[in-house]
Amino acid sequence: MQRFMMKSKIHRAIVTDANLNYQGSITIDKNLMELADILPNEKVQVLNINSGARFDTYAIEGERGSGTICINGAAARLCQVGDIIIIISYAIMEDEEAKNYMPKVIFVEENNKPVNKI
């Protein structure tokens, strides 16, 4: 059996920009992407704590160390600058691997700088 498991998440990031006219995606600071093991173009789920909106998109790299979290394209209508979001990546795992897998959880402070990792 295979299971669809949370691989990692960036918890309570703050949206720094929203660009309705971009082709789509979420731009994430490259440091945060690496810590959360999210690759460019990887599918992610975004949960908006302020509005309750949930949507899927793909990640693109933002400038390293910038703290950038930019919602692009149509999804920019679902988030506003200053909203708090959770960004989740998933992986399909065999049953035995899933039982022992520990997802990476990246907590950030107000400038989207990582504070610790589980």
Protein backbone atom coordinates (compact mmCIF):
# COMPACT_ATOMS: atom_id res chain seq x y z
CA MET A 1 0.00 0.00 0.00
CA GLN A 2 1.10 3.56 -0.65
CA ARG A 3 0.13 6.60 1.38
CA PHE A 4 0.00 10.29 0.53
CA MET A 5 1.94 11.88 3.42
CA MET A 6 2.96 15.38 4.48
CA LYS A 7 6.63 15.66 3.51
CA SER A 8 7.26 19.15 4.89
CA LYS A 9 5.69 22.47 5.72
CA ILE A 10 6.58 26.09 6.25
CA HIS A 11 4.41 27.09 9.19
CA ARG A 12 2.86 30.54 9.60
CA ALA A 13 4.76 32.38 6.89
CA ILE A 14 3.64 35.92 6.13
CA VAL A 15 2.66 36.86 2.57
CA THR A 16 5.03 39.62 1.44
CA ASP A 17 3.56 40.23 -2.03
CA ALA A 18 0.73 39.22 -4.36
CA ASN A 19 1.13 39.52 -8.12
CA LEU A 20 -2.11 38.94 -10.00
CA ASN A 21 -0.48 39.42 -13.42
CA TYR A 22 2.14 36.69 -13.02
CA GLN A 23 1.52 33.38 -14.79
CA GLY A 24 0.91 31.49 -11.54
CA SER A 25 2.65 29.88 -8.57
CA ILE A 26 4.06 30.87 -5.19
CA THR A 27 7.49 32.47 -4.93
CA ILE A 28 9.33 31.26 -1.80
CA ASP A 29 12.68 32.41 -0.41
CA LYS A 30 15.24 29.86 -1.64
CA ASN A 31 16.52 29.28 1.92
CA LEU A 32 13.04 28.27 3.08
CA MET A 33 12.56 26.01 0.07
CA GLU A 34 15.81 24.19 0.83
CA LEU A 35 15.02 23.82 4.54
CA ALA A 36 11.57 22.43 3.70
CA ASP A 37 12.93 20.20 0.91
CA ILE A 38 10.69 21.86 -1.70
CA LEU A 39 12.03 21.85 -5.26
CA PRO A 40 11.31 24.44 -7.95
CA ASN A 41 8.05 23.54 -9.74
CA GLU A 42 7.01 21.12 -6.97
CA LYS A 43 3.30 21.06 -6.18
CA VAL A 44 2.44 22.61 -2.82
CA GLN A 45 -0.76 23.29 -0.93
CA VAL A 46 -1.26 26.74 0.58
CA LEU A 47 -3.56 27.29 3.58
CA ASN A 48 -4.49 30.87 4.39
CA ILE A 49 -5.02 31.23 8.13
CA ASN A 50 -6.62 34.67 7.76
CA SER A 51 -9.26 33.80 5.16
CA GLY A 52 -9.53 30.01 5.36
CA ALA A 53 -8.71 29.72 1.63
CA ARG A 54 -6.87 26.57 0.53
CA PHE A 55 -5.32 26.05 -2.88
CA ASP A 56 -2.71 24.05 -4.76
CA THR A 57 0.02 25.63 -6.85
CA TYR A 58 3.70 25.11 -7.60
CA ALA A 59 6.76 26.64 -5.98
CA ILE A 60 9.33 28.88 -7.63
CA GLU A 61 12.53 30.13 -6.04
CA GLY A 62 12.70 33.62 -4.61
CA GLU A 63 15.86 35.48 -3.71
CA ARG A 64 17.88 33.66 -1.04
CA GLY A 65 17.50 35.26 2.39
CA SER A 66 14.87 37.74 1.22
CA GLY A 67 11.97 36.30 3.22
CA THR A 68 9.86 36.49 0.05
CA ILE A 69 6.50 34.74 0.06
CA CYS A 70 4.66 36.00 -3.03
CA ILE A 71 1.35 34.63 -4.25
CA ASN A 72 1.19 34.81 -8.05
CA GLY A 73 -1.50 34.60 -10.71
CA ALA A 74 -5.12 33.83 -9.96
CA ALA A 75 -4.25 32.69 -6.42
CA ALA A 76 -3.31 36.30 -5.65
CA ARG A 77 -7.06 36.84 -5.23
CA LEU A 78 -6.99 34.36 -2.31
CA CYS A 79 -4.27 36.04 -0.23
CA GLN A 80 -3.36 39.56 0.77
CA VAL A 81 -0.02 40.98 1.84
CA GLY A 82 0.27 40.33 5.57
CA ASP A 83 -1.83 37.15 5.59
CA ILE A 84 -0.42 34.23 7.54
CA ILE A 85 -0.16 31.01 5.53
CA ILE A 86 1.04 27.43 5.81
CA ILE A 87 2.81 25.90 2.80
CA ILE A 88 2.69 22.09 2.68
CA SER A 89 4.46 19.61 0.41
CA TYR A 90 3.48 15.95 0.16
CA ALA A 91 5.06 12.68 -0.95
CA ILE A 92 3.76 9.24 -1.82
CA MET A 93 5.41 6.62 0.40
CA GLU A 94 5.27 2.91 0.87
CA ASP A 95 3.40 1.89 4.01
CA GLU A 96 6.52 0.97 6.00
CA GLU A 97 8.34 4.20 5.12
CA ALA A 98 5.27 6.25 5.99
CA LYS A 99 5.05 4.72 9.46
CA ASN A 100 8.51 6.02 10.37
CA TYR A 101 8.73 9.21 8.33
CA MET A 102 9.15 12.50 10.19
CA PRO A 103 8.14 15.53 8.11
CA LYS A 104 10.26 18.66 8.12
CA VAL A 105 8.46 21.54 9.82
CA ILE A 106 9.96 25.00 9.35
CA PHE A 107 8.81 27.70 11.74
CA VAL A 108 9.43 31.31 10.78
CA GLU A 109 9.46 34.61 12.61
CA GLU A 110 7.76 37.79 11.41
CA ASN A 111 10.23 38.43 8.56
CA ASN A 112 9.92 34.84 7.31
CA LYS A 113 13.31 33.97 8.75
CA PRO A 114 13.53 30.36 9.97
CA VAL A 115 13.66 29.98 13.73
CA ASN A 116 13.97 26.20 14.07
CA LYS A 117 13.33 22.96 12.27
CA ILE A 118 11.84 19.66 13.42
